[in-house]
Amino acid sequence: MGCPKLGLGQPLAALLGPVPGRDLMRRFTFRFQRLLVVGLATARAPRLTREEGQTFVEYAVILGVVCVALAGALTFLHDRIAGFYSQITNQLP
C-alpha cells in the first residue's frame, strides 16, 4: 500500500532522509524550509503580478459597501417609505 514514487506509506523519518538535527521535528522543519525556499525560487513572476483576482476582490468590496449602505438607508427610511405607500393606498378608489 502507498505510493513509492511519492513516498507515501513510508514512515516520516524515511521520507526526510539524511537531514541535520536530532529529533523528528527539527528534521521536518528543516525539510519544510528547504522545500519552501525551492518553491519560492522557482515561482514565476507573471503569477505574482496577475490582477484578475485583485479586480474581482475590488468589485466584491464595492458591492459589499453598497449593500450595507442600502440596508442602512432602508432601515432609517422605513417609516417614510411605509407612510408614502399608505398615502398612495388611501388615495386609490
C-alpha atoms as a PDB file:
ATOM      1  CA  MET A   1       0.000   0.000   0.000  1.00  0.00           C
ATOM      2  CA  GLY A   2       1.186   3.531  -0.593  1.00  0.00           C
ATOM      3  CA  CYS A   3       2.893   5.197  -3.479  1.00  0.00           C
ATOM      4  CA  PRO A   4       6.619   4.536  -3.692  1.00  0.00           C
ATOM      5  CA  LYS A   5       7.129   7.351  -6.190  1.00  0.00           C
ATOM      6  CA  LEU A   6       5.754   9.966  -3.767  1.00  0.00           C
ATOM      7  CA  GLY A   7       6.988   8.185  -0.678  1.00  0.00           C
ATOM      8  CA  LEU A   8       3.503   7.594   0.670  1.00  0.00           C
ATOM      9  CA  GLY A   9       3.100   4.717   3.067  1.00  0.00           C
ATOM     10  CA  GLN A  10       6.615   5.082   4.445  1.00  0.00           C
ATOM     11  CA  PRO A  11       7.496   6.326   7.908  1.00  0.00           C
ATOM     12  CA  LEU A  12       8.099  10.074   8.151  1.00  0.00           C
ATOM     13  CA  ALA A  13      11.725   9.553   9.174  1.00  0.00           C
ATOM     14  CA  ALA A  14      12.357   7.638   5.929  1.00  0.00           C
ATOM     15  CA  LEU A  15      10.901  10.487   3.866  1.00  0.00           C
ATOM     16  CA  LEU A  16      13.105  13.119   5.465  1.00  0.00           C
ATOM     17  CA  GLY A  17      16.332  11.355   4.636  1.00  0.00           C
ATOM     18  CA  PRO A  18      19.692  12.486   5.990  1.00  0.00           C
ATOM     19  CA  VAL A  19      18.969  15.920   7.404  1.00  0.00           C
ATOM     20  CA  PRO A  20      20.920  17.669  10.153  1.00  0.00           C
ATOM     21  CA  GLY A  21      19.204  17.674  13.529  1.00  0.00           C
ATOM     22  CA  ARG A  22      18.460  15.170  16.241  1.00  0.00           C
ATOM     23  CA  ASP A  23      14.744  14.865  16.656  1.00  0.00           C
ATOM     24  CA  LEU A  24      11.999  14.398  14.105  1.00  0.00           C
ATOM     25  CA  MET A  25      10.538  17.899  14.438  1.00  0.00           C
ATOM     26  CA  ARG A  26      13.855  19.561  13.614  1.00  0.00           C
ATOM     27  CA  ARG A  27      14.238  17.346  10.573  1.00  0.00           C
ATOM     28  CA  PHE A  28      10.713  18.123   9.430  1.00  0.00           C
ATOM     29  CA  THR A  29      11.214  21.867   9.928  1.00  0.00           C
ATOM     30  CA  PHE A  30      14.491  21.841   8.020  1.00  0.00           C
ATOM     31  CA  ARG A  31      12.964  19.854   5.146  1.00  0.00           C
ATOM     32  CA  PHE A  32       9.930  22.146   5.008  1.00  0.00           C
ATOM     33  CA  GLN A  33      12.107  25.257   4.917  1.00  0.00           C
ATOM     34  CA  ARG A  34      14.197  23.769   2.141  1.00  0.00           C
ATOM     35  CA  LEU A  35      11.094  22.967   0.082  1.00  0.00           C
ATOM     36  CA  LEU A  36       9.703  26.442   0.708  1.00  0.00           C
ATOM     37  CA  VAL A  37      12.889  28.127  -0.490  1.00  0.00           C
ATOM     38  CA  VAL A  38      12.996  25.964  -3.613  1.00  0.00           C
ATOM     39  CA  GLY A  39       9.335  26.693  -4.307  1.00  0.00           C
ATOM     40  CA  LEU A  40       9.782  30.441  -3.934  1.00  0.00           C
ATOM     41  CA  ALA A  41      12.933  30.414  -6.024  1.00  0.00           C
ATOM     42  CA  THR A  42      11.173  28.668  -8.910  1.00  0.00           C
ATOM     43  CA  ALA A  43       7.955  30.740  -8.751  1.00  0.00           C
ATOM     44  CA  ARG A  44       7.264  32.530 -11.973  1.00  0.00           C
ATOM     45  CA  ALA A  45       6.915  36.304 -11.849  1.00  0.00           C
ATOM     46  CA  PRO A  46       3.758  36.543 -14.027  1.00  0.00           C
ATOM     47  CA  ARG A  47       1.886  34.528 -11.422  1.00  0.00           C
ATOM     48  CA  LEU A  48       2.705  37.093  -8.785  1.00  0.00           C
ATOM     49  CA  THR A  49       1.626  40.097 -10.873  1.00  0.00           C
ATOM     50  CA  ARG A  50      -1.769  38.902 -12.149  1.00  0.00           C
ATOM     51  CA  GLU A  51      -4.519  41.404 -11.478  1.00  0.00           C
ATOM     52  CA  GLU A  52      -7.686  39.450 -12.330  1.00  0.00           C
ATOM     53  CA  GLY A  53      -8.126  38.334  -8.734  1.00  0.00           C
ATOM     54  CA  GLN A  54      -7.473  41.831  -7.435  1.00  0.00           C
ATOM     55  CA  THR A  55     -10.143  43.295  -9.713  1.00  0.00           C
ATOM     56  CA  PHE A  56     -12.667  40.707  -8.546  1.00  0.00           C
ATOM     57  CA  VAL A  57     -11.942  41.488  -4.907  1.00  0.00           C
ATOM     58  CA  GLU A  58     -12.253  45.231  -5.532  1.00  0.00           C
ATOM     59  CA  TYR A  59     -15.682  44.752  -7.126  1.00  0.00           C
ATOM     60  CA  ALA A  60     -16.753  42.477  -4.271  1.00  0.00           C
ATOM     61  CA  VAL A  61     -15.742  45.124  -1.706  1.00  0.00           C
ATOM     62  CA  ILE A  62     -17.650  47.824  -3.598  1.00  0.00           C
ATOM     63  CA  LEU A  63     -20.719  45.573  -3.783  1.00  0.00           C
ATOM     64  CA  GLY A  64     -20.470  44.897  -0.057  1.00  0.00           C
ATOM     65  CA  VAL A  65     -20.286  48.609   0.760  1.00  0.00           C
ATOM     66  CA  VAL A  66     -23.275  49.351  -1.472  1.00  0.00           C
ATOM     67  CA  CYS A  67     -25.307  46.573   0.176  1.00  0.00           C
ATOM     68  CA  VAL A  68     -24.509  47.834   3.674  1.00  0.00           C
ATOM     69  CA  ALA A  69     -25.366  51.421   2.668  1.00  0.00           C
ATOM     70  CA  LEU A  70     -28.642  50.287   1.104  1.00  0.00           C
ATOM     71  CA  ALA A  71     -29.595  48.270   4.180  1.00  0.00           C
ATOM     72  CA  GLY A  72     -28.789  51.248   6.407  1.00  0.00           C
ATOM     73  CA  ALA A  73     -30.800  53.647   4.249  1.00  0.00           C
ATOM     74  CA  LEU A  74     -33.825  51.351   4.199  1.00  0.00           C
ATOM     75  CA  THR A  75     -33.623  50.942   7.964  1.00  0.00           C
ATOM     76  CA  PHE A  76     -33.611  54.680   8.596  1.00  0.00           C
ATOM     77  CA  LEU A  77     -36.184  55.500   5.903  1.00  0.00           C
ATOM     78  CA  HIS A  78     -38.574  52.667   6.753  1.00  0.00           C
ATOM     79  CA  ASP A  79     -41.225  54.892   8.331  1.00  0.00           C
ATOM     80  CA  ARG A  80     -41.210  57.409   5.464  1.00  0.00           C
ATOM     81  CA  ILE A  81     -41.476  54.657   2.850  1.00  0.00           C
ATOM     82  CA  ALA A  82     -44.348  52.999   4.729  1.00  0.00           C
ATOM     83  CA  GLY A  83     -46.115  56.378   5.038  1.00  0.00           C
ATOM     84  CA  PHE A  84     -45.677  57.025   1.319  1.00  0.00           C
ATOM     85  CA  TYR A  85     -47.263  53.696   0.385  1.00  0.00           C
ATOM     86  CA  SER A  86     -50.081  54.254   2.897  1.00  0.00           C
ATOM     87  CA  GLN A  87     -50.783  57.658   1.337  1.00  0.00           C
ATOM     88  CA  ILE A  88     -50.980  56.101  -2.143  1.00  0.00           C
ATOM     89  CA  THR A  89     -53.255  53.317  -0.865  1.00  0.00           C
ATOM     90  CA  ASN A  90     -55.608  55.835   0.758  1.00  0.00           C
ATOM     91  CA  GLN A  91     -55.938  57.816  -2.490  1.00  0.00           C
ATOM     92  CA  LEU A  92     -56.994  54.766  -4.527  1.00  0.00           C
ATOM     93  CA  PRO A  93     -60.782  54.395  -5.118  1.00  0.00           C
END
